Amino acid sequence: MEQSVIGQAQQKFGLDIYVDSQ
């Protein structure tokens, strides 16, 4: 369950960077 939460946080963080770099 911890890995799932961490994975979701990393996904959101990566998405934020992707959108910011556009």
PDB file of N, CA and C in Angstrom:
ATOM      1  N   MET A   1       0.837  -1.203   0.000  1.00  0.00           N
ATOM      2  CA  MET A   1       0.000   0.000   0.000  1.00  0.00           C
ATOM      3  C   MET A   1       0.876   1.259   0.000  1.00  0.00           C
ATOM      4  N   GLU A   2       1.985   1.193   0.763  1.00  0.00           N
ATOM      5  CA  GLU A   2       2.896   2.339   0.786  1.00  0.00           C
ATOM      6  C   GLU A   2       3.460   2.599  -0.614  1.00  0.00           C
ATOM      7  N   GLN A   3       3.838   1.525  -1.308  1.00  0.00           N
ATOM      8  CA  GLN A   3       4.402   1.679  -2.650  1.00  0.00           C
ATOM      9  C   GLN A   3       3.390   2.330  -3.583  1.00  0.00           C
ATOM     10  N   SER A   4       2.109   1.999  -3.405  1.00  0.00           N
ATOM     11  CA  SER A   4       1.079   2.558  -4.268  1.00  0.00           C
ATOM     12  C   SER A   4       0.979   4.073  -4.064  1.00  0.00           C
ATOM     13  N   VAL A   5       1.027   4.485  -2.799  1.00  0.00           N
ATOM     14  CA  VAL A   5       0.935   5.915  -2.493  1.00  0.00           C
ATOM     15  C   VAL A   5       2.148   6.653  -3.050  1.00  0.00           C
ATOM     16  N   ILE A   6       3.317   6.060  -2.869  1.00  0.00           N
ATOM     17  CA  ILE A   6       4.546   6.677  -3.381  1.00  0.00           C
ATOM     18  C   ILE A   6       4.497   6.749  -4.907  1.00  0.00           C
ATOM     19  N   GLY A   7       4.031   5.702  -5.527  1.00  0.00           N
ATOM     20  CA  GLY A   7       3.933   5.670  -6.986  1.00  0.00           C
ATOM     21  C   GLY A   7       2.997   6.757  -7.492  1.00  0.00           C
ATOM     22  N   GLN A   8       1.870   6.941  -6.813  1.00  0.00           N
ATOM     23  CA  GLN A   8       0.921   7.972  -7.227  1.00  0.00           C
ATOM     24  C   GLN A   8       1.546   9.355  -7.076  1.00  0.00           C
ATOM     25  N   ALA A   9       2.284   9.568  -5.998  1.00  0.00           N
ATOM     26  CA  ALA A   9       2.935  10.867  -5.755  1.00  0.00           C
ATOM     27  C   ALA A   9       3.969  11.134  -6.843  1.00  0.00           C
ATOM     28  N   GLN A  10       4.765  10.114  -7.184  1.00  0.00           N
ATOM     29  CA  GLN A  10       5.782  10.276  -8.226  1.00  0.00           C
ATOM     30  C   GLN A  10       5.127  10.549  -9.571  1.00  0.00           C
ATOM     31  N   GLN A  11       4.001   9.865  -9.839  1.00  0.00           N
ATOM     32  CA  GLN A  11       3.301  10.063 -11.102  1.00  0.00           C
ATOM     33  C   GLN A  11       2.813  11.508 -11.208  1.00  0.00           C
ATOM     34  N   LYS A  12       2.218  12.025 -10.133  1.00  0.00           N
ATOM     35  CA  LYS A  12       1.703  13.385 -10.147  1.00  0.00           C
ATOM     36  C   LYS A  12       2.855  14.371 -10.286  1.00  0.00           C
ATOM     37  N   PHE A  13       3.951  14.114  -9.586  1.00  0.00           N
ATOM     38  CA  PHE A  13       5.111  14.994  -9.641  1.00  0.00           C
ATOM     39  C   PHE A  13       5.678  15.027 -11.061  1.00  0.00           C
ATOM     40  N   GLY A  14       5.793  13.850 -11.665  1.00  0.00           N
ATOM     41  CA  GLY A  14       6.306  13.757 -13.028  1.00  0.00           C
ATOM     42  C   GLY A  14       5.374  14.461 -14.010  1.00  0.00           C
ATOM     43  N   LEU A  15       4.079  14.319 -13.811  1.00  0.00           N
ATOM     44  CA  LEU A  15       3.106  14.958 -14.697  1.00  0.00           C
ATOM     45  C   LEU A  15       3.205  16.464 -14.570  1.00  0.00           C
ATOM     46  N   ASP A  16       3.370  16.971 -13.344  1.00  0.00           N
ATOM     47  CA  ASP A  16       3.498  18.412 -13.121  1.00  0.00           C
ATOM     48  C   ASP A  16       4.720  18.948 -13.862  1.00  0.00           C
ATOM     49  N   ILE A  17       5.823  18.197 -13.814  1.00  0.00           N
ATOM     50  CA  ILE A  17       7.046  18.626 -14.495  1.00  0.00           C
ATOM     51  C   ILE A  17       6.817  18.603 -16.007  1.00  0.00           C
ATOM     52  N   TYR A  18       6.149  17.578 -16.489  1.00  0.00           N
ATOM     53  CA  TYR A  18       5.886  17.434 -17.926  1.00  0.00           C
ATOM     54  C   TYR A  18       5.054  18.610 -18.430  1.00  0.00           C
ATOM     55  N   VAL A  19       4.024  18.952 -17.698  1.00  0.00           N
ATOM     56  CA  VAL A  19       3.150  20.059 -18.098  1.00  0.00           C
ATOM     57  C   VAL A  19       3.913  21.381 -18.011  1.00  0.00           C
ATOM     58  N   ASP A  20       4.738  21.523 -16.978  1.00  0.00           N
ATOM     59  CA  ASP A  20       5.490  22.757 -16.771  1.00  0.00           C
ATOM     60  C   ASP A  20       6.526  22.955 -17.882  1.00  0.00           C
ATOM     61  N   SER A  21       7.021  21.853 -18.433  1.00  0.00           N
ATOM     62  CA  SER A  21       8.069  21.945 -19.455  1.00  0.00           C
ATOM     63  C   SER A  21       7.476  22.209 -20.839  1.00  0.00           C
ATOM     64  N   GLN A  22       6.188  22.109 -20.964  1.00  0.00           N
ATOM     65  CA  GLN A  22       5.536  22.335 -22.257  1.00  0.00           C
ATOM     66  C   GLN A  22       5.699  23.775 -22.709  1.00  0.00           C
TER      67      GLN A  22
END
